[in-house]
């Protein structure tokens, strides 16, 4: 969250029990989500958002068949009045739309009233992108000394080299890497797998870590292709919070020479990966595949970053700008 962003409202109390009718609707929705093999995090978030709607309907005496667009507008207006950000309201509305879509598919309602509502306008924040020089400063600030430093250097080199999410990094196993093809097999969102190239600097850092640091961290004393690639100091799989924390440590150490690193986070490396590829002439469709985006519209945000950069360069360089 940026320093100027409004804080989210405090967490609400646990939702009150809902009627049997709404519980049935939630069970049907959960079954549909599980069939789609969504991640546990996404499933939990969707069910939580929809249970909140069900609790609101229960409090207003609205049974599933009676929920219409007018009631949904009141519900969405209430969320905004409580101080929820537009992005949060849009996410909750997307979950409700999915819930009611399942009801239409099951023949329990004729139409989806959520389709008549527009999502709140989201602020068009550009992703935080580091300059190539800042990325180099960050990576070279991590020494190749002890096991943890070797692991961190390999982790961050791979994050930038292949544009991986923090969740994807911690899921990697020894068998995910293929040194012969210089690539890594990644399990992305929704269980979708993609193969992404790995650069020579990242491969060299990973090789140093595997030959030295990882062996020192390995608790069991044996390697297995199904074991985690990146280990904690106790020999366990890293968590995403570990990735964020370690990046924060090295970014703070390097921000004296590169102040932009004060805002570095794992996704900033991913954003930088995509933007630097675009700067180097890669086409948008290729970047979409490398990032594992389901739609090209998600990837198009990086063209806005490039557009802003070009306008800035024009304003500095053109004599009559």
Foldseek 3Di string as FASTA:
>chain_A
DDPPDDDADDDDDPFDDADPQLVVLLVLLLVVVVVLLFDPVVSVVLSRLSVVVRSVCRVVVHGPARDALVVVVVVLVVNVVSPHALVVSLVSLVSLQSSVVSCCVVVNYVDRRSVVDDRPDHDLDFAQADDPVLLVLLLVLQDCPALVSLLLSLLSLQCLQQLDFLVFLLQAFQLQDDVVQQWGWTQDGSRDIAITHGDPSSVVSLVSNVVHNLCQQQPVNDGDRNATSRADSNNHGDDSVNSFVVSCVSLVVRCVPPVSSNPDGSNNSSLNSLLVCVVVPDDQVVNCRSNVPPDSVVSCSSVVVVVVVVVVVCVVPPPVD
